[in-house]
Amino acid sequence: MPSPFLRLTAVGCTAAAAVLSTLVVAGWDPLLAFDAHVAAELHRSALAEPGWTRLNRVLTDWVWDPWTMRALLTAVFLWLLLRGQPRPALWVAATALVGTLLQQGLKALFDRDRPRWTRPVDSAEFAALPSGHAMTAALTCGLLLWLAHLYAVRRAVRLAVLWAGAITVVGVGFTRLYLGVHWLTDVVTGWLLGAAVAATAAALWHRSGARPPLPEGRGPEGSAP
């Protein structure tokens, strides 16, 4: 991934997240009304479709849960260490830690209430903004896509990472909205912040002058072993 693209992504996503968060905190009525409308429509569907609701709970609690995403990054961290690549391994670990601290810090700062329902279909802890599920998924998938490019893996693998990441990020955001535990702006802000942290980490890696790892399956002289 070119460094200018990474920097532009980091700056753009950070700015968009800041604007959106500011509008929420300021209580901009058109945005909050749209939040409420989306939440009400999806909650009505969740009550009417219990089977679909159960599926969304499985997806959000197990498949796309933040701890699942962190376990995936832990596996990548260990894989990099076993390949003799401690620097990118630590880079990934540090980025994940920064993302988690930022997420929790912003939740405490904004202290936004979650949607409240007479008949809730799910529950969640901590404040609403930003969505931890959405932010963690975007951060994780962004890092995996960057690593796929960094290690010059086959195009088919990169495309698989891209599509799996897109489905994960969009899917987890939908589950949080459908289950009525987040507002739309929480999810979008989480997506933006996750992408911003991942892009910033990748841009700083390239700016640091670190040598790219050897492409997958290549020997030290650049030829296949």
C-alpha atoms as a PDB file:
ATOM      1  CA  MET A   1       0.000   0.000   0.000  1.00  0.00           C
ATOM      2  CA  PRO A   2       1.472   3.392  -0.949  1.00  0.00           C
ATOM      3  CA  SER A   3       2.337   5.627   1.975  1.00  0.00           C
ATOM      4  CA  PRO A   4       0.416   8.659   0.591  1.00  0.00           C
ATOM      5  CA  PHE A   5      -2.745   6.537   0.441  1.00  0.00           C
ATOM      6  CA  LEU A   6      -2.230   5.374   4.017  1.00  0.00           C
ATOM      7  CA  ARG A   7      -1.660   8.920   5.264  1.00  0.00           C
ATOM      8  CA  LEU A   8      -4.711  10.208   3.398  1.00  0.00           C
ATOM      9  CA  THR A   9      -6.828   7.400   4.829  1.00  0.00           C
ATOM     10  CA  ALA A  10      -5.608   8.071   8.356  1.00  0.00           C
ATOM     11  CA  VAL A  11      -6.229  11.825   8.167  1.00  0.00           C
ATOM     12  CA  GLY A  12      -9.543  11.532   6.359  1.00  0.00           C
ATOM     13  CA  CYS A  13     -10.997   8.905   8.684  1.00  0.00           C
ATOM     14  CA  THR A  14      -9.803  10.742  11.791  1.00  0.00           C
ATOM     15  CA  ALA A  15     -11.326  14.007  10.588  1.00  0.00           C
ATOM     16  CA  ALA A  16     -14.630  12.364   9.670  1.00  0.00           C
ATOM     17  CA  ALA A  17     -14.811  10.596  13.046  1.00  0.00           C
ATOM     18  CA  ALA A  18     -14.073  13.872  14.849  1.00  0.00           C
ATOM     19  CA  VAL A  19     -16.811  15.721  12.962  1.00  0.00           C
ATOM     20  CA  LEU A  20     -19.364  12.972  13.540  1.00  0.00           C
ATOM     21  CA  SER A  21     -18.533  12.698  17.239  1.00  0.00           C
ATOM     22  CA  THR A  22     -18.732  16.473  17.653  1.00  0.00           C
ATOM     23  CA  LEU A  23     -22.183  16.571  16.076  1.00  0.00           C
ATOM     24  CA  VAL A  24     -23.377  13.801  18.381  1.00  0.00           C
ATOM     25  CA  VAL A  25     -21.980  15.431  21.513  1.00  0.00           C
ATOM     26  CA  ALA A  26     -23.390  18.792  20.443  1.00  0.00           C
ATOM     27  CA  GLY A  27     -26.802  17.160  20.073  1.00  0.00           C
ATOM     28  CA  TRP A  28     -27.421  18.070  16.428  1.00  0.00           C
ATOM     29  CA  ASP A  29     -31.115  17.236  16.087  1.00  0.00           C
ATOM     30  CA  PRO A  30     -31.234  16.026  12.444  1.00  0.00           C
ATOM     31  CA  LEU A  31     -28.468  13.503  13.102  1.00  0.00           C
ATOM     32  CA  LEU A  32     -29.932  12.283  16.379  1.00  0.00           C
ATOM     33  CA  ALA A  33     -33.365  11.988  14.801  1.00  0.00           C
ATOM     34  CA  PHE A  34     -31.933   9.877  12.000  1.00  0.00           C
ATOM     35  CA  ASP A  35     -30.163   7.715  14.579  1.00  0.00           C
ATOM     36  CA  ALA A  36     -33.443   7.193  16.393  1.00  0.00           C
ATOM     37  CA  HIS A  37     -35.344   6.390  13.193  1.00  0.00           C
ATOM     38  CA  VAL A  38     -32.841   3.732  12.083  1.00  0.00           C
ATOM     39  CA  ALA A  39     -32.732   2.189  15.549  1.00  0.00           C
ATOM     40  CA  ALA A  40     -36.533   2.044  15.845  1.00  0.00           C
ATOM     41  CA  GLU A  41     -37.009   0.431  12.418  1.00  0.00           C
ATOM     42  CA  LEU A  42     -34.387  -2.249  13.046  1.00  0.00           C
ATOM     43  CA  HIS A  43     -35.676  -2.954  16.549  1.00  0.00           C
ATOM     44  CA  ARG A  44     -39.158  -3.454  15.152  1.00  0.00           C
ATOM     45  CA  SER A  45     -37.750  -6.020  12.725  1.00  0.00           C
ATOM     46  CA  ALA A  46     -35.735  -7.747  15.472  1.00  0.00           C
ATOM     47  CA  LEU A  47     -38.891  -8.248  17.543  1.00  0.00           C
ATOM     48  CA  ALA A  48     -40.795  -9.600  14.555  1.00  0.00           C
ATOM     49  CA  GLU A  49     -38.049 -12.018  13.399  1.00  0.00           C
ATOM     50  CA  PRO A  50     -36.748 -13.961  16.436  1.00  0.00           C
ATOM     51  CA  GLY A  51     -34.851 -16.511  14.322  1.00  0.00           C
ATOM     52  CA  TRP A  52     -32.950 -13.801  12.458  1.00  0.00           C
ATOM     53  CA  THR A  53     -32.331 -12.062  15.779  1.00  0.00           C
ATOM     54  CA  ARG A  54     -30.798 -15.223  17.273  1.00  0.00           C
ATOM     55  CA  LEU A  55     -28.486 -15.539  14.264  1.00  0.00           C
ATOM     56  CA  ASN A  56     -27.328 -11.957  14.715  1.00  0.00           C
ATOM     57  CA  ARG A  57     -26.607 -12.639  18.376  1.00  0.00           C
ATOM     58  CA  VAL A  58     -24.444 -15.633  17.475  1.00  0.00           C
ATOM     59  CA  LEU A  59     -22.555 -13.587  14.897  1.00  0.00           C
ATOM     60  CA  THR A  60     -21.987 -10.611  17.183  1.00  0.00           C
ATOM     61  CA  ASP A  61     -21.140 -12.645  20.312  1.00  0.00           C
ATOM     62  CA  TRP A  62     -18.892 -15.278  18.748  1.00  0.00           C
ATOM     63  CA  VAL A  63     -17.921 -14.809  15.104  1.00  0.00           C
ATOM     64  CA  TRP A  64     -17.302 -11.052  15.135  1.00  0.00           C
ATOM     65  CA  ASP A  65     -16.860 -10.406  18.846  1.00  0.00           C
ATOM     66  CA  PRO A  66     -13.931  -8.097  19.745  1.00  0.00           C
ATOM     67  CA  TRP A  67     -12.279 -10.951  21.624  1.00  0.00           C
ATOM     68  CA  THR A  68     -12.461 -13.086  18.483  1.00  0.00           C
ATOM     69  CA  MET A  69     -10.758 -10.276  16.571  1.00  0.00           C
ATOM     70  CA  ARG A  70      -8.091  -9.968  19.276  1.00  0.00           C
ATOM     71  CA  ALA A  71      -7.531 -13.721  19.237  1.00  0.00           C
ATOM     72  CA  LEU A  72      -7.013 -13.506  15.479  1.00  0.00           C
ATOM     73  CA  LEU A  73      -4.418 -10.762  15.928  1.00  0.00           C
ATOM     74  CA  THR A  74      -2.750 -12.811  18.661  1.00  0.00           C
ATOM     75  CA  ALA A  75      -2.462 -15.714  16.217  1.00  0.00           C
ATOM     76  CA  VAL A  76      -0.920 -13.361  13.645  1.00  0.00           C
ATOM     77  CA  PHE A  77       1.457 -12.021  16.303  1.00  0.00           C
ATOM     78  CA  LEU A  78       2.652 -15.558  17.129  1.00  0.00           C
ATOM     79  CA  TRP A  79       2.915 -16.458  13.434  1.00  0.00           C
ATOM     80  CA  LEU A  80       5.148 -13.461  12.814  1.00  0.00           C
ATOM     81  CA  LEU A  81       7.348 -14.360  15.779  1.00  0.00           C
ATOM     82  CA  LEU A  82       7.712 -17.930  14.506  1.00  0.00           C
ATOM     83  CA  ARG A  83       8.748 -16.543  11.112  1.00  0.00           C
ATOM     84  CA  GLY A  84      11.504 -14.558  12.820  1.00  0.00           C
ATOM     85  CA  GLN A  85       9.732 -11.228  12.315  1.00  0.00           C
ATOM     86  CA  PRO A  86       9.574  -9.680  15.813  1.00  0.00           C
ATOM     87  CA  ARG A  87       9.321  -6.071  14.657  1.00  0.00           C
ATOM     88  CA  PRO A  88       6.078  -6.372  12.638  1.00  0.00           C
ATOM     89  CA  ALA A  89       4.735  -8.692  15.345  1.00  0.00           C
ATOM     90  CA  LEU A  90       5.277  -6.040  18.009  1.00  0.00           C
ATOM     91  CA  TRP A  91       3.920  -3.376  15.640  1.00  0.00           C
ATOM     92  CA  VAL A  92       0.666  -5.324  15.316  1.00  0.00           C
ATOM     93  CA  ALA A  93       0.446  -5.891  19.082  1.00  0.00           C
ATOM     94  CA  ALA A  94       1.122  -2.235  19.872  1.00  0.00           C
ATOM     95  CA  THR A  95      -1.466  -1.085  17.336  1.00  0.00           C
ATOM     96  CA  ALA A  96      -4.105  -3.390  18.814  1.00  0.00           C
ATOM     97  CA  LEU A  97      -3.323  -2.086  22.315  1.00  0.00           C
ATOM     98  CA  VAL A  98      -3.510   1.552  21.215  1.00  0.00           C
ATOM     99  CA  GLY A  99      -6.824   0.875  19.498  1.00  0.00           C
ATOM    100  CA  THR A 100      -8.303  -0.695  22.624  1.00  0.00           C
ATOM    101  CA  LEU A 101      -7.102   2.132  24.874  1.00  0.00           C
ATOM    102  CA  LEU A 102      -8.408   4.769  22.471  1.00  0.00           C
ATOM    103  CA  GLN A 103     -11.761   3.022  22.225  1.00  0.00           C
ATOM    104  CA  GLN A 104     -12.236   2.808  25.985  1.00  0.00           C
ATOM    105  CA  GLY A 105     -10.962   6.334  26.521  1.00  0.00           C
ATOM    106  CA  LEU A 106     -13.447   7.793  24.045  1.00  0.00           C
ATOM    107  CA  LYS A 107     -16.298   5.774  25.523  1.00  0.00           C
ATOM    108  CA  ALA A 108     -15.506   7.256  28.934  1.00  0.00           C
ATOM    109  CA  LEU A 109     -15.120  10.748  27.463  1.00  0.00           C
ATOM    110  CA  PHE A 110     -18.373  10.808  25.479  1.00  0.00           C
ATOM    111  CA  ASP A 111     -20.373   8.630  27.905  1.00  0.00           C
ATOM    112  CA  ARG A 112     -23.198   8.293  25.405  1.00  0.00           C
ATOM    113  CA  ASP A 113     -26.255   6.294  26.416  1.00  0.00           C
ATOM    114  CA  ARG A 114     -27.188   3.260  24.370  1.00  0.00           C
ATOM    115  CA  PRO A 115     -30.670   2.862  22.900  1.00  0.00           C
ATOM    116  CA  ARG A 116     -33.241   1.832  25.493  1.00  0.00           C
ATOM    117  CA  TRP A 117     -36.159  -0.451  24.739  1.00  0.00           C
ATOM    118  CA  THR A 118     -39.205  -1.705  26.587  1.00  0.00           C
ATOM    119  CA  ARG A 119     -38.550  -5.151  25.062  1.00  0.00           C
ATOM    120  CA  PRO A 120     -34.778  -5.405  24.465  1.00  0.00           C
ATOM    121  CA  VAL A 121     -33.452  -8.306  22.387  1.00  0.00           C
ATOM    122  CA  ASP A 122     -29.852  -7.963  23.624  1.00  0.00           C
ATOM    123  CA  SER A 123     -27.763  -6.007  26.107  1.00  0.00           C
ATOM    124  CA  ALA A 124     -24.293  -4.464  26.200  1.00  0.00           C
ATOM    125  CA  GLU A 125     -21.985  -2.833  28.704  1.00  0.00           C
ATOM    126  CA  PHE A 126     -20.095   0.467  28.746  1.00  0.00           C
ATOM    127  CA  ALA A 127     -20.973   3.625  26.837  1.00  0.00           C
ATOM    128  CA  ALA A 128     -22.134   3.585  23.230  1.00  0.00           C
ATOM    129  CA  LEU A 129     -19.762   5.871  21.314  1.00  0.00           C
ATOM    130  CA  PRO A 130     -17.776   4.532  19.524  1.00  0.00           C
ATOM    131  CA  SER A 131     -18.917   0.968  18.899  1.00  0.00           C
ATOM    132  CA  GLY A 132     -16.186  -1.334  20.200  1.00  0.00           C
ATOM    133  CA  HIS A 133     -17.273  -4.170  17.912  1.00  0.00           C
ATOM    134  CA  ALA A 134     -17.147  -1.957  14.820  1.00  0.00           C
ATOM    135  CA  MET A 135     -13.854  -0.304  15.735  1.00  0.00           C
ATOM    136  CA  THR A 136     -12.090  -3.553  16.623  1.00  0.00           C
ATOM    137  CA  ALA A 137     -13.268  -5.246  13.428  1.00  0.00           C
ATOM    138  CA  ALA A 138     -12.146  -2.357  11.224  1.00  0.00           C
ATOM    139  CA  LEU A 139      -8.776  -2.163  12.984  1.00  0.00           C
ATOM    140  CA  THR A 140      -8.184  -5.920  12.764  1.00  0.00           C
ATOM    141  CA  CYS A 141      -9.205  -6.260   9.129  1.00  0.00           C
ATOM    142  CA  GLY A 142      -7.227  -3.167   8.187  1.00  0.00           C
ATOM    143  CA  LEU A 143      -4.081  -4.584   9.785  1.00  0.00           C
ATOM    144  CA  LEU A 144      -4.555  -7.966   8.094  1.00  0.00           C
ATOM    145  CA  LEU A 145      -4.982  -6.315   4.696  1.00  0.00           C
ATOM    146  CA  TRP A 146      -1.842  -4.232   5.264  1.00  0.00           C
ATOM    147  CA  LEU A 147       0.144  -7.321   6.269  1.00  0.00           C
ATOM    148  CA  ALA A 148      -1.049  -9.161   3.177  1.00  0.00           C
ATOM    149  CA  HIS A 149       0.368  -6.357   1.035  1.00  0.00           C
ATOM    150  CA  LEU A 150       3.497  -6.004   3.170  1.00  0.00           C
ATOM    151  CA  TYR A 151       4.361  -9.666   2.738  1.00  0.00           C
ATOM    152  CA  ALA A 152       3.425  -9.600  -0.949  1.00  0.00           C
ATOM    153  CA  VAL A 153       1.190 -12.650  -0.648  1.00  0.00           C
ATOM    154  CA  ARG A 154      -0.563 -13.981  -3.715  1.00  0.00           C
ATOM    155  CA  ARG A 155      -3.227 -11.781  -5.299  1.00  0.00           C
ATOM    156  CA  ALA A 156      -5.911 -14.385  -4.587  1.00  0.00           C
ATOM    157  CA  VAL A 157      -5.033 -14.296  -0.886  1.00  0.00           C
ATOM    158  CA  ARG A 158      -5.118 -10.503  -0.811  1.00  0.00           C
ATOM    159  CA  LEU A 159      -8.540 -10.510  -2.457  1.00  0.00           C
ATOM    160  CA  ALA A 160      -9.775 -13.098   0.044  1.00  0.00           C
ATOM    161  CA  VAL A 161      -8.544 -10.938   2.935  1.00  0.00           C
ATOM    162  CA  LEU A 162     -10.186  -7.882   1.378  1.00  0.00           C
ATOM    163  CA  TRP A 163     -13.574  -9.519   0.873  1.00  0.00           C
ATOM    164  CA  ALA A 164     -13.579 -11.345   4.210  1.00  0.00           C
ATOM    165  CA  GLY A 165     -12.621  -8.089   5.916  1.00  0.00           C
ATOM    166  CA  ALA A 166     -15.355  -6.106   4.154  1.00  0.00           C
ATOM    167  CA  ILE A 167     -17.995  -8.680   5.075  1.00  0.00           C
ATOM    168  CA  THR A 168     -16.777  -8.723   8.672  1.00  0.00           C
ATOM    169  CA  VAL A 169     -16.730  -4.956   9.097  1.00  0.00           C
ATOM    170  CA  VAL A 170     -20.121  -4.366   7.500  1.00  0.00           C
ATOM    171  CA  GLY A 171     -21.627  -7.453   9.108  1.00  0.00           C
ATOM    172  CA  VAL A 172     -20.607  -6.679  12.658  1.00  0.00           C
ATOM    173  CA  GLY A 173     -21.887  -3.126  12.308  1.00  0.00           C
ATOM    174  CA  PHE A 174     -25.245  -4.419  11.155  1.00  0.00           C
ATOM    175  CA  THR A 175     -25.530  -6.861  14.052  1.00  0.00           C
ATOM    176  CA  ARG A 176     -24.954  -4.094  16.595  1.00  0.00           C
ATOM    177  CA  LEU A 177     -27.658  -1.975  15.008  1.00  0.00           C
ATOM    178  CA  TYR A 178     -30.099  -4.818  14.498  1.00  0.00           C
ATOM    179  CA  LEU A 179     -29.815  -5.952  18.102  1.00  0.00           C
ATOM    180  CA  GLY A 180     -30.523  -2.429  19.293  1.00  0.00           C
ATOM    181  CA  VAL A 181     -27.374  -1.891  21.333  1.00  0.00           C
ATOM    182  CA  HIS A 182     -25.896   0.938  19.249  1.00  0.00           C
ATOM    183  CA  TRP A 183     -26.889   3.990  17.279  1.00  0.00           C
ATOM    184  CA  LEU A 184     -25.827   4.237  13.637  1.00  0.00           C
ATOM    185  CA  THR A 185     -23.387   7.029  14.439  1.00  0.00           C
ATOM    186  CA  ASP A 186     -21.681   4.807  17.037  1.00  0.00           C
ATOM    187  CA  VAL A 187     -21.022   2.170  14.391  1.00  0.00           C
ATOM    188  CA  VAL A 188     -19.858   4.568  11.676  1.00  0.00           C
ATOM    189  CA  THR A 189     -17.540   6.346  14.125  1.00  0.00           C
ATOM    190  CA  GLY A 190     -16.139   2.967  15.182  1.00  0.00           C
ATOM    191  CA  TRP A 191     -15.470   2.026  11.570  1.00  0.00           C
ATOM    192  CA  LEU A 192     -13.725   5.331  10.910  1.00  0.00           C
ATOM    193  CA  LEU A 193     -11.560   5.163  14.024  1.00  0.00           C
ATOM    194  CA  GLY A 194     -10.567   1.538  13.432  1.00  0.00           C
ATOM    195  CA  ALA A 195      -9.525   2.349   9.883  1.00  0.00           C
ATOM    196  CA  ALA A 196      -7.689   5.470  11.072  1.00  0.00           C
ATOM    197  CA  VAL A 197      -5.640   3.587  13.675  1.00  0.00           C
ATOM    198  CA  ALA A 198      -4.740   0.788  11.250  1.00  0.00           C
ATOM    199  CA  ALA A 199      -3.779   3.244   8.500  1.00  0.00           C
ATOM    200  CA  THR A 200      -1.741   5.367  10.909  1.00  0.00           C
ATOM    201  CA  ALA A 201       0.182   2.314  12.127  1.00  0.00           C
ATOM    202  CA  ALA A 202       0.893   1.214   8.564  1.00  0.00           C
ATOM    203  CA  ALA A 203       1.984   4.705   7.505  1.00  0.00           C
ATOM    204  CA  LEU A 204       4.318   5.014  10.508  1.00  0.00           C
ATOM    205  CA  TRP A 205       5.833   1.625   9.696  1.00  0.00           C
ATOM    206  CA  HIS A 206       6.756   2.760   6.192  1.00  0.00           C
ATOM    207  CA  ARG A 207       7.932   6.151   7.428  1.00  0.00           C
ATOM    208  CA  SER A 208      10.229   4.458   9.942  1.00  0.00           C
ATOM    209  CA  GLY A 209      12.281   3.097   7.070  1.00  0.00           C
ATOM    210  CA  ALA A 210      11.837  -0.522   8.094  1.00  0.00           C
ATOM    211  CA  ARG A 211      12.836  -2.984   5.394  1.00  0.00           C
ATOM    212  CA  PRO A 212       9.865  -4.843   3.941  1.00  0.00           C
ATOM    213  CA  PRO A 213       9.819  -8.539   4.869  1.00  0.00           C
ATOM    214  CA  LEU A 214      10.756 -11.001   2.163  1.00  0.00           C
ATOM    215  CA  PRO A 215       7.834 -11.894  -0.104  1.00  0.00           C
ATOM    216  CA  GLU A 216       6.048 -15.131   0.703  1.00  0.00           C
ATOM    217  CA  GLY A 217       8.033 -18.150  -0.416  1.00  0.00           C
ATOM    218  CA  ARG A 218      11.171 -16.198  -1.426  1.00  0.00           C
ATOM    219  CA  GLY A 219      14.704 -16.867  -0.335  1.00  0.00           C
ATOM    220  CA  PRO A 220      17.210 -14.285   0.923  1.00  0.00           C
ATOM    221  CA  GLU A 221      18.473 -13.647  -2.585  1.00  0.00           C
ATOM    222  CA  GLY A 222      14.969 -12.990  -3.894  1.00  0.00           C
ATOM    223  CA  SER A 223      14.656 -16.364  -5.610  1.00  0.00           C
ATOM    224  CA  ALA A 224      12.454 -19.259  -4.640  1.00  0.00           C
ATOM    225  CA  PRO A 225      14.228 -21.630  -2.225  1.00  0.00           C
END
